[in-house]
N, C-alpha and C. Protein backbone atom coordinates (compact mmCIF):
# COMPACT_ATOMS: atom_id res chain seq x y z
N UNK A 1 0.84 -1.16 0.00
CA UNK A 1 0.00 0.00 0.00
C UNK A 1 0.90 1.24 0.00
N UNK A 2 0.56 2.21 -0.81
CA UNK A 2 1.35 3.44 -0.90
C UNK A 2 0.64 4.55 -0.13
N UNK A 3 1.42 5.31 0.64
CA UNK A 3 0.91 6.46 1.37
C UNK A 3 1.51 7.69 0.69
N UNK A 4 0.67 8.46 0.02
CA UNK A 4 1.14 9.54 -0.84
C UNK A 4 1.34 10.85 -0.10
N UNK A 5 2.46 11.48 -0.34
CA UNK A 5 2.79 12.86 -0.03
C UNK A 5 2.31 13.35 1.33
N UNK A 6 3.03 12.96 2.38
CA UNK A 6 2.76 13.49 3.70
C UNK A 6 3.91 14.43 4.08
N UNK A 7 3.59 15.44 4.88
CA UNK A 7 4.59 16.39 5.35
C UNK A 7 5.17 15.89 6.66
N UNK A 8 6.50 15.74 6.69
CA UNK A 8 7.17 15.22 7.88
C UNK A 8 8.39 16.09 8.21
N UNK A 9 8.83 15.95 9.45
CA UNK A 9 10.07 16.54 9.91
C UNK A 9 11.00 15.39 10.28
N UNK A 10 12.22 15.38 9.74
CA UNK A 10 13.21 14.37 10.11
C UNK A 10 13.82 14.82 11.43
N UNK A 11 13.56 14.07 12.50
CA UNK A 11 14.03 14.48 13.82
C UNK A 11 15.38 13.88 14.19
N UNK A 12 15.68 12.70 13.64
CA UNK A 12 16.95 12.04 14.01
C UNK A 12 17.36 11.07 12.92
N UNK A 13 18.66 11.03 12.63
CA UNK A 13 19.23 10.06 11.70
C UNK A 13 20.35 9.36 12.44
N UNK A 14 20.28 8.03 12.52
CA UNK A 14 21.25 7.28 13.31
C UNK A 14 21.79 6.12 12.48
N UNK A 15 23.10 6.08 12.31
CA UNK A 15 23.77 4.99 11.60
C UNK A 15 24.17 3.93 12.63
N UNK A 16 23.76 2.68 12.40
CA UNK A 16 24.04 1.60 13.33
C UNK A 16 24.63 0.41 12.59
N UNK A 17 25.04 -0.62 13.35
CA UNK A 17 25.55 -1.86 12.77
C UNK A 17 24.83 -3.03 13.40
N UNK A 18 24.56 -4.06 12.58
CA UNK A 18 23.94 -5.26 13.12
C UNK A 18 25.01 -6.18 13.71
N UNK A 19 24.61 -7.35 14.16
CA UNK A 19 25.54 -8.28 14.81
C UNK A 19 26.67 -8.74 13.89
N UNK A 20 26.40 -8.77 12.60
CA UNK A 20 27.42 -9.18 11.63
C UNK A 20 28.32 -8.02 11.21
N UNK A 21 28.06 -6.83 11.72
CA UNK A 21 28.87 -5.66 11.40
C UNK A 21 28.42 -4.91 10.16
N UNK A 22 27.28 -5.28 9.59
CA UNK A 22 26.76 -4.59 8.41
C UNK A 22 26.00 -3.33 8.84
N UNK A 23 26.23 -2.20 8.16
CA UNK A 23 25.57 -0.95 8.57
C UNK A 23 24.11 -0.88 8.11
N UNK A 24 23.32 -0.18 8.89
CA UNK A 24 21.96 0.18 8.51
C UNK A 24 21.67 1.54 9.13
N UNK A 25 20.60 2.17 8.67
CA UNK A 25 20.28 3.52 9.13
C UNK A 25 18.85 3.55 9.68
N UNK A 26 18.67 4.28 10.77
CA UNK A 26 17.36 4.48 11.39
C UNK A 26 17.04 5.97 11.29
N UNK A 27 15.91 6.29 10.67
CA UNK A 27 15.48 7.68 10.51
C UNK A 27 14.16 7.86 11.25
N UNK A 28 14.13 8.83 12.18
CA UNK A 28 12.93 9.15 12.94
C UNK A 28 12.21 10.32 12.29
N UNK A 29 10.90 10.18 12.14
CA UNK A 29 10.07 11.19 11.49
C UNK A 29 8.99 11.67 12.44
N UNK A 30 8.56 12.91 12.26
CA UNK A 30 7.40 13.48 12.94
C UNK A 30 6.42 13.91 11.86
N UNK A 31 5.22 13.35 11.88
CA UNK A 31 4.17 13.74 10.93
C UNK A 31 3.66 15.12 11.35
N UNK A 32 3.81 16.12 10.49
CA UNK A 32 3.46 17.49 10.85
C UNK A 32 1.96 17.73 10.96
N UNK A 33 1.16 16.88 10.34
CA UNK A 33 -0.29 17.07 10.40
C UNK A 33 -0.89 16.46 11.66
N UNK A 34 -0.49 15.21 11.98
CA UNK A 34 -1.10 14.52 13.11
C UNK A 34 -0.28 14.57 14.39
N UNK A 35 1.03 14.83 14.27
CA UNK A 35 1.90 14.82 15.44
C UNK A 35 2.44 13.45 15.79
N UNK A 36 2.13 12.45 14.98
CA UNK A 36 2.61 11.09 15.22
C UNK A 36 4.09 10.98 14.89
N UNK A 37 4.80 10.14 15.63
CA UNK A 37 6.21 9.88 15.33
C UNK A 37 6.35 8.42 14.89
N UNK A 38 7.28 8.19 13.99
CA UNK A 38 7.57 6.84 13.52
C UNK A 38 8.99 6.81 13.01
N UNK A 39 9.55 5.61 12.86
CA UNK A 39 10.89 5.50 12.31
C UNK A 39 10.93 4.46 11.22
N UNK A 40 11.91 4.60 10.36
CA UNK A 40 12.13 3.68 9.25
C UNK A 40 13.55 3.15 9.38
N UNK A 41 13.67 1.83 9.32
CA UNK A 41 14.98 1.18 9.33
C UNK A 41 15.28 0.75 7.91
N UNK A 42 16.42 1.16 7.39
CA UNK A 42 16.77 0.90 5.99
C UNK A 42 18.18 0.35 5.89
N UNK A 43 18.33 -0.75 5.17
CA UNK A 43 19.66 -1.34 4.95
C UNK A 43 20.42 -0.61 3.85
N UNK A 44 19.70 -0.06 2.89
CA UNK A 44 20.31 0.66 1.78
C UNK A 44 20.55 2.11 2.20
N UNK A 45 21.76 2.43 2.61
CA UNK A 45 22.09 3.74 3.15
C UNK A 45 22.00 4.81 2.07
N UNK A 46 22.25 4.47 0.82
CA UNK A 46 22.20 5.44 -0.28
C UNK A 46 20.82 6.08 -0.41
N UNK A 47 19.77 5.32 -0.11
CA UNK A 47 18.40 5.84 -0.23
C UNK A 47 18.18 6.99 0.75
N UNK A 48 18.78 6.91 1.92
CA UNK A 48 18.54 7.89 2.98
C UNK A 48 19.58 9.02 3.01
N UNK A 49 20.59 8.99 2.14
CA UNK A 49 21.66 9.99 2.19
C UNK A 49 21.18 11.42 1.96
N UNK A 50 20.10 11.59 1.22
CA UNK A 50 19.63 12.94 0.89
C UNK A 50 18.89 13.61 2.05
N UNK A 51 18.53 12.85 3.08
CA UNK A 51 17.78 13.40 4.20
C UNK A 51 18.71 14.07 5.21
N UNK A 52 18.24 15.18 5.79
CA UNK A 52 19.01 15.91 6.80
C UNK A 52 18.14 16.08 8.04
N UNK A 53 18.78 16.04 9.22
CA UNK A 53 18.07 16.23 10.48
C UNK A 53 17.45 17.62 10.55
N UNK A 54 16.33 17.70 11.24
CA UNK A 54 15.59 18.95 11.49
C UNK A 54 15.24 19.69 10.19
N UNK A 55 14.89 18.90 9.18
CA UNK A 55 14.46 19.45 7.90
C UNK A 55 13.10 18.86 7.56
N UNK A 56 12.21 19.69 7.00
CA UNK A 56 10.87 19.24 6.61
C UNK A 56 10.90 18.73 5.18
N UNK A 57 10.14 17.66 4.94
CA UNK A 57 10.04 17.04 3.62
C UNK A 57 8.60 16.65 3.33
N UNK A 58 8.29 16.58 2.07
CA UNK A 58 7.06 15.94 1.60
C UNK A 58 7.52 14.61 1.03
N UNK A 59 7.05 13.50 1.63
CA UNK A 59 7.51 12.17 1.24
C UNK A 59 6.33 11.25 0.93
N UNK A 60 6.62 10.19 0.19
CA UNK A 60 5.67 9.11 -0.04
C UNK A 60 6.25 7.85 0.61
N UNK A 61 5.37 7.09 1.26
CA UNK A 61 5.78 5.88 1.98
C UNK A 61 5.11 4.67 1.35
N UNK A 62 5.67 3.52 1.63
CA UNK A 62 5.08 2.27 1.19
C UNK A 62 4.98 1.34 2.41
N UNK A 63 3.83 0.69 2.56
CA UNK A 63 3.58 -0.22 3.67
C UNK A 63 3.45 -1.63 3.10
N UNK A 64 4.34 -2.52 3.53
CA UNK A 64 4.34 -3.90 3.04
C UNK A 64 4.11 -4.85 4.20
N UNK A 65 3.56 -6.02 3.91
CA UNK A 65 3.41 -7.05 4.93
C UNK A 65 4.27 -8.25 4.54
N UNK A 66 4.82 -8.89 5.56
CA UNK A 66 5.58 -10.12 5.35
C UNK A 66 5.29 -11.06 6.50
N UNK A 67 6.02 -12.15 6.59
CA UNK A 67 5.71 -13.13 7.63
C UNK A 67 6.00 -12.62 9.04
N UNK A 68 6.75 -11.53 9.17
CA UNK A 68 7.06 -10.96 10.48
C UNK A 68 6.15 -9.81 10.88
N UNK A 69 5.30 -9.34 9.98
CA UNK A 69 4.40 -8.23 10.28
C UNK A 69 4.45 -7.17 9.20
N UNK A 70 4.16 -5.93 9.57
CA UNK A 70 4.14 -4.82 8.63
C UNK A 70 5.48 -4.09 8.63
N UNK A 71 5.89 -3.60 7.45
CA UNK A 71 7.14 -2.86 7.33
C UNK A 71 6.86 -1.58 6.57
N UNK A 72 7.23 -0.46 7.18
CA UNK A 72 7.06 0.84 6.56
C UNK A 72 8.37 1.25 5.91
N UNK A 73 8.31 1.68 4.66
CA UNK A 73 9.52 2.07 3.93
C UNK A 73 9.32 3.37 3.19
N UNK A 74 10.42 4.01 2.87
CA UNK A 74 10.40 5.26 2.12
C UNK A 74 10.31 4.96 0.63
N UNK A 75 9.27 5.44 -0.02
CA UNK A 75 9.10 5.26 -1.46
C UNK A 75 9.88 6.32 -2.22
N UNK A 76 9.67 7.60 -1.86
CA UNK A 76 10.39 8.69 -2.51
C UNK A 76 10.28 9.97 -1.69
N UNK A 77 11.28 10.82 -1.87
CA UNK A 77 11.25 12.17 -1.32
C UNK A 77 10.70 13.06 -2.42
N UNK A 78 9.51 13.58 -2.23
CA UNK A 78 8.84 14.38 -3.25
C UNK A 78 9.45 15.78 -3.31
N UNK A 79 9.65 16.38 -2.11
CA UNK A 79 10.10 17.78 -2.08
C UNK A 79 10.71 18.08 -0.71
N UNK A 80 11.78 18.86 -0.70
CA UNK A 80 12.33 19.37 0.55
C UNK A 80 11.65 20.69 0.85
N UNK A 81 11.10 20.83 2.05
CA UNK A 81 10.33 22.02 2.41
C UNK A 81 11.14 23.00 3.27
N UNK A 82 12.40 22.67 3.56
CA UNK A 82 13.25 23.59 4.31
C UNK A 82 13.43 23.17 5.75
N UNK A 83 14.36 23.82 6.41
CA UNK A 83 14.66 23.52 7.81
C UNK A 83 13.74 24.28 8.75
N UNK A 84 13.85 23.97 10.04
CA UNK A 84 13.09 24.70 11.05
C UNK A 84 14.01 25.76 11.64
N UNK A 85 13.43 26.87 11.99
CA UNK A 85 14.22 27.99 12.50
C UNK A 85 13.71 28.43 13.85
């Protein structure tokens, strides 16, 4: 399922490593309309390189289900709306 063009604020970007030493990135978002917070864990670091902390974006998300449950992922960054001041 695709979630089209929501306005979010990137609150935190954290680079981590799994038990095997492979890097992954955790990005925390704040939905500017509802006030909800959520995070996305992504193994492909290149996808998240364009995001900056404390910057507003219009993004599209994709929600997938698998045998472990639901997974929220970043589909695309539609537009950068600027930083907070």
